[in-house]
Amino acid sequence: MSGQNRDEAGGPDSGARAPREGVDPEVLEFAQMLFQLARDGETERLAAYVDAGVSPDLTNERGDALLMLAAYNGHPDTVRALLARGAEVDRANDRGQTPLAGAVFKGYGEVVRVLFEGGADPNGGTPTAVDTARMFEKDAFLELFGV
């Protein structure tokens, strides 16, 4: 989980890129607000927007979906709410990283359990959640995955 413009762990950051030409600044601002709600674990507010029609698989310019941002920032209730509203559990970002691998990396046990019980594939993505657990000696996650 590494790369430029990411936090030290290499996961989804909160940095914003310059808006693309032709994108309405108000729409961009609204989208950025939604991504921040996911990062902050503002479950009720984010769920209300999804219930009103925002895609639970909305992605930012790096391909990080709302679920990835909630998982990587340790918000199990937000993860549950997004999954209940149809978020794709194994949706990888542009770097091939999945929400499950990000949660394993960060050591968020409850988030890992919610994602795994929600059908996340521990062998999906790059690196996989299994590989991440091995790399960082997170044996409890390997046990959960049956490895």
N, C-alpha and C. Protein backbone atom coordinates (compact mmCIF):
# COMPACT_ATOMS: atom_id res chain seq x y z
N MET A 1 0.85 -1.17 0.00
CA MET A 1 0.00 0.00 0.00
C MET A 1 0.90 1.25 0.00
N SER A 2 1.47 1.58 -1.14
CA SER A 2 2.34 2.74 -1.17
C SER A 2 2.09 3.55 -2.42
N GLY A 3 2.58 4.80 -2.39
CA GLY A 3 2.43 5.64 -3.56
C GLY A 3 2.51 7.10 -3.22
N GLN A 4 2.72 7.90 -4.24
CA GLN A 4 2.76 9.34 -4.03
C GLN A 4 1.37 9.86 -3.72
N ASN A 5 1.33 11.02 -3.07
CA ASN A 5 0.08 11.68 -2.72
C ASN A 5 -0.82 10.80 -1.86
N ARG A 6 -0.22 9.96 -1.07
CA ARG A 6 -0.94 9.12 -0.14
C ARG A 6 -0.35 9.39 1.24
N ASP A 7 -1.02 8.95 2.27
CA ASP A 7 -0.45 9.15 3.59
C ASP A 7 0.72 8.20 3.75
N GLU A 8 1.37 8.19 4.92
CA GLU A 8 2.54 7.36 5.14
C GLU A 8 2.26 5.90 4.83
N ALA A 9 1.06 5.43 5.07
CA ALA A 9 0.70 4.04 4.84
C ALA A 9 0.45 3.76 3.37
N GLY A 10 0.35 4.79 2.58
CA GLY A 10 0.12 4.60 1.17
C GLY A 10 -1.34 4.44 0.80
N GLY A 11 -2.23 4.73 1.70
CA GLY A 11 -3.65 4.56 1.43
C GLY A 11 -4.29 5.84 0.96
N PRO A 12 -5.59 5.81 0.89
CA PRO A 12 -6.32 6.98 0.42
C PRO A 12 -6.07 8.21 1.29
N ASP A 13 -5.69 9.29 0.67
CA ASP A 13 -5.45 10.51 1.42
C ASP A 13 -6.61 11.47 1.22
N SER A 14 -6.49 12.62 1.86
CA SER A 14 -7.56 13.61 1.73
C SER A 14 -7.15 14.75 0.81
N GLY A 15 -6.00 14.59 0.13
CA GLY A 15 -5.56 15.64 -0.77
C GLY A 15 -6.45 15.76 -1.97
N ALA A 16 -6.72 16.97 -2.38
CA ALA A 16 -7.58 17.20 -3.54
C ALA A 16 -6.72 17.63 -4.71
N ARG A 17 -7.05 17.16 -5.88
CA ARG A 17 -6.39 17.60 -7.10
C ARG A 17 -7.19 18.75 -7.68
N ALA A 18 -6.58 19.44 -8.61
CA ALA A 18 -7.28 20.53 -9.29
C ALA A 18 -8.47 19.95 -10.04
N PRO A 19 -9.58 20.66 -10.05
CA PRO A 19 -10.76 20.16 -10.76
C PRO A 19 -10.50 20.03 -12.25
N ARG A 20 -11.13 19.03 -12.85
CA ARG A 20 -11.03 18.84 -14.28
C ARG A 20 -11.79 19.94 -14.99
N GLU A 21 -11.28 20.29 -16.16
CA GLU A 21 -11.93 21.32 -16.97
C GLU A 21 -13.35 20.89 -17.30
N GLY A 22 -14.28 21.78 -17.16
CA GLY A 22 -15.66 21.50 -17.49
C GLY A 22 -16.47 20.93 -16.35
N VAL A 23 -15.86 20.67 -15.20
CA VAL A 23 -16.60 20.14 -14.06
C VAL A 23 -17.14 21.31 -13.26
N ASP A 24 -18.42 21.29 -13.01
CA ASP A 24 -19.08 22.33 -12.23
C ASP A 24 -18.45 22.37 -10.84
N PRO A 25 -17.92 23.52 -10.41
CA PRO A 25 -17.28 23.61 -9.10
C PRO A 25 -18.20 23.21 -7.94
N GLU A 26 -19.49 23.48 -8.08
CA GLU A 26 -20.43 23.10 -7.02
C GLU A 26 -20.59 21.59 -6.93
N VAL A 27 -20.59 20.92 -8.07
CA VAL A 27 -20.68 19.46 -8.08
C VAL A 27 -19.42 18.87 -7.46
N LEU A 28 -18.28 19.41 -7.84
CA LEU A 28 -17.01 18.95 -7.28
C LEU A 28 -16.99 19.15 -5.76
N GLU A 29 -17.44 20.29 -5.31
CA GLU A 29 -17.47 20.56 -3.88
C GLU A 29 -18.40 19.58 -3.15
N PHE A 30 -19.53 19.28 -3.75
CA PHE A 30 -20.47 18.32 -3.17
C PHE A 30 -19.83 16.93 -3.08
N ALA A 31 -19.18 16.52 -4.15
CA ALA A 31 -18.51 15.21 -4.15
C ALA A 31 -17.42 15.15 -3.09
N GLN A 32 -16.64 16.21 -2.99
CA GLN A 32 -15.57 16.23 -1.98
C GLN A 32 -16.16 16.14 -0.57
N MET A 33 -17.30 16.78 -0.36
CA MET A 33 -17.97 16.71 0.93
C MET A 33 -18.39 15.27 1.24
N LEU A 34 -18.90 14.56 0.23
CA LEU A 34 -19.30 13.17 0.42
C LEU A 34 -18.11 12.30 0.78
N PHE A 35 -17.00 12.49 0.09
CA PHE A 35 -15.79 11.72 0.40
C PHE A 35 -15.31 12.00 1.82
N GLN A 36 -15.42 13.26 2.25
CA GLN A 36 -15.02 13.61 3.61
C GLN A 36 -15.95 12.97 4.64
N LEU A 37 -17.23 12.91 4.35
CA LEU A 37 -18.17 12.22 5.25
C LEU A 37 -17.76 10.76 5.44
N ALA A 38 -17.34 10.12 4.36
CA ALA A 38 -16.89 8.72 4.45
C ALA A 38 -15.62 8.62 5.29
N ARG A 39 -14.65 9.53 5.05
CA ARG A 39 -13.41 9.53 5.83
C ARG A 39 -13.67 9.75 7.31
N ASP A 40 -14.63 10.62 7.61
CA ASP A 40 -14.91 11.00 9.00
C ASP A 40 -15.88 10.06 9.70
N GLY A 41 -16.46 9.12 8.97
CA GLY A 41 -17.41 8.20 9.58
C GLY A 41 -18.73 8.85 9.93
N GLU A 42 -19.16 9.81 9.14
CA GLU A 42 -20.45 10.48 9.34
C GLU A 42 -21.54 9.62 8.72
N THR A 43 -21.80 8.49 9.36
CA THR A 43 -22.66 7.45 8.80
C THR A 43 -24.05 7.94 8.43
N GLU A 44 -24.74 8.57 9.37
CA GLU A 44 -26.12 8.98 9.11
C GLU A 44 -26.22 9.96 7.95
N ARG A 45 -25.33 10.94 7.92
CA ARG A 45 -25.38 11.94 6.83
C ARG A 45 -25.07 11.30 5.49
N LEU A 46 -24.01 10.47 5.46
CA LEU A 46 -23.63 9.83 4.20
C LEU A 46 -24.74 8.89 3.73
N ALA A 47 -25.29 8.11 4.64
CA ALA A 47 -26.37 7.17 4.29
C ALA A 47 -27.57 7.93 3.73
N ALA A 48 -27.87 9.08 4.28
CA ALA A 48 -29.00 9.87 3.79
C ALA A 48 -28.77 10.30 2.34
N TYR A 49 -27.56 10.69 2.01
CA TYR A 49 -27.26 11.08 0.63
C TYR A 49 -27.36 9.87 -0.30
N VAL A 50 -26.86 8.71 0.14
CA VAL A 50 -26.97 7.51 -0.69
C VAL A 50 -28.44 7.13 -0.85
N ASP A 51 -29.20 7.21 0.23
CA ASP A 51 -30.64 6.91 0.14
C ASP A 51 -31.35 7.87 -0.81
N ALA A 52 -30.83 9.08 -0.95
CA ALA A 52 -31.44 10.08 -1.83
C ALA A 52 -30.98 9.94 -3.28
N GLY A 53 -30.05 9.00 -3.54
CA GLY A 53 -29.67 8.76 -4.92
C GLY A 53 -28.20 8.80 -5.26
N VAL A 54 -27.35 9.20 -4.34
CA VAL A 54 -25.91 9.17 -4.60
C VAL A 54 -25.48 7.71 -4.69
N SER A 55 -24.66 7.40 -5.66
CA SER A 55 -24.18 6.02 -5.82
C SER A 55 -23.33 5.61 -4.62
N PRO A 56 -23.59 4.43 -4.06
CA PRO A 56 -22.73 3.96 -2.96
C PRO A 56 -21.33 3.62 -3.47
N ASP A 57 -21.15 3.56 -4.78
CA ASP A 57 -19.84 3.27 -5.38
C ASP A 57 -19.18 4.50 -5.99
N LEU A 58 -19.62 5.69 -5.58
CA LEU A 58 -19.00 6.93 -6.05
C LEU A 58 -17.50 6.87 -5.76
N THR A 59 -16.69 7.25 -6.76
CA THR A 59 -15.24 7.23 -6.58
C THR A 59 -14.65 8.61 -6.82
N ASN A 60 -13.50 8.83 -6.18
CA ASN A 60 -12.79 10.08 -6.38
C ASN A 60 -11.80 9.94 -7.53
N GLU A 61 -10.98 10.94 -7.72
CA GLU A 61 -10.05 10.97 -8.85
C GLU A 61 -8.99 9.88 -8.79
N ARG A 62 -8.84 9.21 -7.66
CA ARG A 62 -7.88 8.12 -7.51
C ARG A 62 -8.56 6.75 -7.54
N GLY A 63 -9.88 6.77 -7.75
CA GLY A 63 -10.61 5.52 -7.79
C GLY A 63 -11.00 4.99 -6.42
N ASP A 64 -10.80 5.80 -5.37
CA ASP A 64 -11.20 5.39 -4.03
C ASP A 64 -12.70 5.61 -3.87
N ALA A 65 -13.43 4.51 -3.65
CA ALA A 65 -14.87 4.59 -3.43
C ALA A 65 -15.15 5.01 -2.00
N LEU A 66 -16.38 5.40 -1.77
CA LEU A 66 -16.79 5.77 -0.41
C LEU A 66 -16.47 4.65 0.59
N LEU A 67 -16.68 3.40 0.19
CA LEU A 67 -16.40 2.26 1.06
C LEU A 67 -14.92 2.18 1.40
N MET A 68 -14.07 2.40 0.42
CA MET A 68 -12.62 2.38 0.67
C MET A 68 -12.24 3.44 1.70
N LEU A 69 -12.77 4.63 1.54
CA LEU A 69 -12.43 5.72 2.45
C LEU A 69 -12.93 5.44 3.86
N ALA A 70 -14.13 4.90 3.98
CA ALA A 70 -14.67 4.56 5.31
C ALA A 70 -13.87 3.44 5.94
N ALA A 71 -13.53 2.42 5.17
CA ALA A 71 -12.78 1.27 5.69
C ALA A 71 -11.38 1.68 6.10
N TYR A 72 -10.70 2.41 5.24
CA TYR A 72 -9.31 2.79 5.49
C TYR A 72 -9.18 3.73 6.69
N ASN A 73 -10.27 4.41 7.01
CA ASN A 73 -10.23 5.33 8.14
C ASN A 73 -10.89 4.75 9.39
N GLY A 74 -11.25 3.47 9.34
CA GLY A 74 -11.67 2.75 10.54
C GLY A 74 -13.09 3.00 11.01
N HIS A 75 -14.05 3.07 10.11
CA HIS A 75 -15.43 3.38 10.48
C HIS A 75 -16.36 2.20 10.16
N PRO A 76 -16.45 1.22 11.07
CA PRO A 76 -17.26 0.03 10.78
C PRO A 76 -18.74 0.32 10.56
N ASP A 77 -19.30 1.27 11.27
CA ASP A 77 -20.72 1.58 11.06
C ASP A 77 -20.97 2.16 9.68
N THR A 78 -20.07 2.98 9.20
CA THR A 78 -20.20 3.55 7.87
C THR A 78 -20.02 2.46 6.82
N VAL A 79 -19.07 1.55 7.06
CA VAL A 79 -18.88 0.42 6.15
C VAL A 79 -20.16 -0.41 6.09
N ARG A 80 -20.73 -0.73 7.24
CA ARG A 80 -21.99 -1.50 7.28
C ARG A 80 -23.09 -0.80 6.48
N ALA A 81 -23.23 0.51 6.71
CA ALA A 81 -24.29 1.27 6.04
C ALA A 81 -24.10 1.27 4.52
N LEU A 82 -22.87 1.43 4.07
CA LEU A 82 -22.62 1.43 2.63
C LEU A 82 -22.86 0.05 2.03
N LEU A 83 -22.44 -0.99 2.72
CA LEU A 83 -22.69 -2.35 2.23
C LEU A 83 -24.19 -2.63 2.16
N ALA A 84 -24.92 -2.19 3.17
CA ALA A 84 -26.37 -2.40 3.20
C ALA A 84 -27.06 -1.67 2.05
N ARG A 85 -26.39 -0.65 1.51
CA ARG A 85 -26.96 0.14 0.42
C ARG A 85 -26.37 -0.25 -0.94
N GLY A 86 -25.71 -1.39 -0.97
CA GLY A 86 -25.25 -1.93 -2.24
C GLY A 86 -23.85 -1.60 -2.67
N ALA A 87 -23.01 -1.04 -1.80
CA ALA A 87 -21.63 -0.76 -2.19
C ALA A 87 -20.93 -2.06 -2.56
N GLU A 88 -20.13 -2.00 -3.60
CA GLU A 88 -19.38 -3.16 -4.08
C GLU A 88 -18.23 -3.44 -3.10
N VAL A 89 -18.30 -4.56 -2.40
CA VAL A 89 -17.38 -4.86 -1.31
C VAL A 89 -15.93 -5.01 -1.77
N ASP A 90 -15.71 -5.48 -2.98
CA ASP A 90 -14.35 -5.72 -3.46
C ASP A 90 -13.87 -4.68 -4.48
N ARG A 91 -14.55 -3.55 -4.55
CA ARG A 91 -14.17 -2.53 -5.53
C ARG A 91 -12.77 -1.99 -5.22
N ALA A 92 -11.85 -2.24 -6.14
CA ALA A 92 -10.47 -1.78 -5.97
C ALA A 92 -10.32 -0.36 -6.50
N ASN A 93 -9.35 0.36 -5.93
CA ASN A 93 -9.06 1.70 -6.43
C ASN A 93 -8.13 1.59 -7.64
N ASP A 94 -7.66 2.72 -8.14
CA ASP A 94 -6.83 2.73 -9.34
C ASP A 94 -5.49 2.03 -9.15
N ARG A 95 -5.09 1.80 -7.91
CA ARG A 95 -3.84 1.11 -7.61
C ARG A 95 -4.07 -0.38 -7.34
N GLY A 96 -5.31 -0.83 -7.45
CA GLY A 96 -5.62 -2.24 -7.23
C GLY A 96 -5.87 -2.59 -5.77
N GLN A 97 -5.90 -1.59 -4.90
CA GLN A 97 -6.11 -1.82 -3.47
C GLN A 97 -7.59 -1.96 -3.16
N THR A 98 -7.93 -2.92 -2.29
CA THR A 98 -9.31 -3.14 -1.89
C THR A 98 -9.55 -2.60 -0.49
N PRO A 99 -10.81 -2.34 -0.16
CA PRO A 99 -11.12 -1.90 1.21
C PRO A 99 -10.63 -2.90 2.26
N LEU A 100 -10.77 -4.20 1.99
CA LEU A 100 -10.34 -5.21 2.96
C LEU A 100 -8.84 -5.14 3.20
N ALA A 101 -8.05 -5.06 2.16
CA ALA A 101 -6.59 -4.97 2.33
C ALA A 101 -6.21 -3.70 3.08
N GLY A 102 -6.90 -2.60 2.78
CA GLY A 102 -6.62 -1.35 3.50
C GLY A 102 -6.92 -1.46 4.98
N ALA A 103 -8.04 -2.08 5.30
CA ALA A 103 -8.42 -2.25 6.72
C ALA A 103 -7.47 -3.20 7.43
N VAL A 104 -7.02 -4.24 6.73
CA VAL A 104 -6.02 -5.15 7.32
C VAL A 104 -4.74 -4.38 7.61
N PHE A 105 -4.28 -3.63 6.62
CA PHE A 105 -3.06 -2.84 6.79
C PHE A 105 -3.15 -1.93 8.02
N LYS A 106 -4.27 -1.25 8.15
CA LYS A 106 -4.44 -0.31 9.25
C LYS A 106 -4.72 -1.01 10.58
N GLY A 107 -5.07 -2.30 10.54
CA GLY A 107 -5.32 -3.05 11.76
C GLY A 107 -6.70 -2.82 12.36
N TYR A 108 -7.66 -2.44 11.55
CA TYR A 108 -9.01 -2.17 12.02
C TYR A 108 -9.82 -3.47 12.04
N GLY A 109 -9.72 -4.21 13.15
CA GLY A 109 -10.32 -5.52 13.27
C GLY A 109 -11.81 -5.56 12.99
N GLU A 110 -12.56 -4.62 13.54
CA GLU A 110 -14.01 -4.65 13.33
C GLU A 110 -14.35 -4.37 11.87
N VAL A 111 -13.64 -3.46 11.25
CA VAL A 111 -13.87 -3.17 9.84
C VAL A 111 -13.54 -4.40 9.00
N VAL A 112 -12.43 -5.05 9.30
CA VAL A 112 -12.05 -6.27 8.58
C VAL A 112 -13.16 -7.31 8.69
N ARG A 113 -13.67 -7.52 9.91
CA ARG A 113 -14.73 -8.51 10.10
C ARG A 113 -16.00 -8.13 9.32
N VAL A 114 -16.38 -6.87 9.36
CA VAL A 114 -17.58 -6.42 8.64
C VAL A 114 -17.42 -6.67 7.14
N LEU A 115 -16.28 -6.31 6.60
CA LEU A 115 -16.04 -6.51 5.17
C LEU A 115 -16.01 -7.99 4.80
N PHE A 116 -15.30 -8.78 5.60
CA PHE A 116 -15.18 -10.21 5.33
C PHE A 116 -16.55 -10.89 5.42
N GLU A 117 -17.30 -10.56 6.46
CA GLU A 117 -18.65 -11.12 6.60
C GLU A 117 -19.59 -10.60 5.52
N GLY A 118 -19.25 -9.44 4.94
CA GLY A 118 -20.04 -8.88 3.85
C GLY A 118 -19.65 -9.45 2.49
N GLY A 119 -18.75 -10.42 2.49
CA GLY A 119 -18.38 -11.09 1.25
C GLY A 119 -17.08 -10.68 0.62
N ALA A 120 -16.29 -9.84 1.28
CA ALA A 120 -15.02 -9.41 0.70
C ALA A 120 -14.09 -10.61 0.49
N ASP A 121 -13.42 -10.61 -0.64
CA ASP A 121 -12.48 -11.67 -0.99
C ASP A 121 -11.09 -11.33 -0.45
N PRO A 122 -10.58 -12.10 0.50
CA PRO A 122 -9.25 -11.80 1.06
C PRO A 122 -8.12 -12.02 0.06
N ASN A 123 -8.42 -12.65 -1.09
CA ASN A 123 -7.40 -12.88 -2.11
C ASN A 123 -7.53 -11.94 -3.30
N GLY A 124 -8.42 -10.95 -3.18
CA GLY A 124 -8.59 -9.99 -4.26
C GLY A 124 -7.69 -8.79 -4.08
N GLY A 125 -7.44 -8.10 -5.16
CA GLY A 125 -6.67 -6.86 -5.11
C GLY A 125 -5.17 -7.08 -5.11
N THR A 126 -4.47 -5.95 -5.10
CA THR A 126 -3.01 -5.95 -5.10
C THR A 126 -2.50 -4.88 -4.16
N PRO A 127 -1.83 -5.23 -3.07
CA PRO A 127 -1.67 -6.59 -2.58
C PRO A 127 -2.98 -7.11 -2.01
N THR A 128 -3.09 -8.41 -1.90
CA THR A 128 -4.29 -8.99 -1.33
C THR A 128 -4.32 -8.74 0.18
N ALA A 129 -5.49 -8.93 0.77
CA ALA A 129 -5.59 -8.81 2.23
C ALA A 129 -4.76 -9.89 2.90
N VAL A 130 -4.73 -11.08 2.31
CA VAL A 130 -3.91 -12.17 2.86
C VAL A 130 -2.44 -11.79 2.83
N ASP A 131 -1.97 -11.30 1.69
CA ASP A 131 -0.57 -10.87 1.58
C ASP A 131 -0.25 -9.75 2.56
N THR A 132 -1.17 -8.82 2.71
CA THR A 132 -0.97 -7.70 3.64
C THR A 132 -0.89 -8.21 5.07
N ALA A 133 -1.77 -9.14 5.44
CA ALA A 133 -1.75 -9.70 6.79
C ALA A 133 -0.44 -10.44 7.04
N ARG A 134 0.03 -11.18 6.06
CA ARG A 134 1.31 -11.89 6.21
C ARG A 134 2.46 -10.90 6.35
N MET A 135 2.47 -9.90 5.49
CA MET A 135 3.55 -8.93 5.46
C MET A 135 3.69 -8.20 6.80
N PHE A 136 2.56 -7.90 7.43
CA PHE A 136 2.59 -7.13 8.67
C PHE A 136 2.29 -7.99 9.90
N GLU A 137 2.40 -9.33 9.71
CA GLU A 137 2.25 -10.29 10.80
C GLU A 137 0.96 -10.09 11.59
N LYS A 138 -0.12 -9.98 10.87
CA LYS A 138 -1.44 -9.82 11.48
C LYS A 138 -2.14 -11.18 11.45
N ASP A 139 -1.66 -12.06 12.33
CA ASP A 139 -2.09 -13.46 12.34
C ASP A 139 -3.58 -13.63 12.62
N ALA A 140 -4.16 -12.77 13.41
CA ALA A 140 -5.60 -12.89 13.71
C ALA A 140 -6.42 -12.76 12.43
N PHE A 141 -5.98 -11.91 11.51
CA PHE A 141 -6.70 -11.76 10.25
C PHE A 141 -6.52 -13.00 9.38
N LEU A 142 -5.32 -13.57 9.37
CA LEU A 142 -5.10 -14.80 8.62
C LEU A 142 -6.00 -15.92 9.15
N GLU A 143 -6.13 -15.97 10.45
CA GLU A 143 -7.00 -16.97 11.05
C GLU A 143 -8.45 -16.73 10.63
N LEU A 144 -8.90 -15.48 10.66
CA LEU A 144 -10.24 -15.14 10.23
C LEU A 144 -10.48 -15.59 8.79
N PHE A 145 -9.49 -15.40 7.93
CA PHE A 145 -9.61 -15.74 6.52
C PHE A 145 -9.46 -17.24 6.27
N GLY A 146 -9.11 -17.99 7.32
CA GLY A 146 -8.94 -19.44 7.17
C GLY A 146 -7.65 -19.83 6.49
N VAL A 147 -6.65 -18.99 6.63
CA VAL A 147 -5.34 -19.25 5.99
C VAL A 147 -4.35 -19.76 7.01
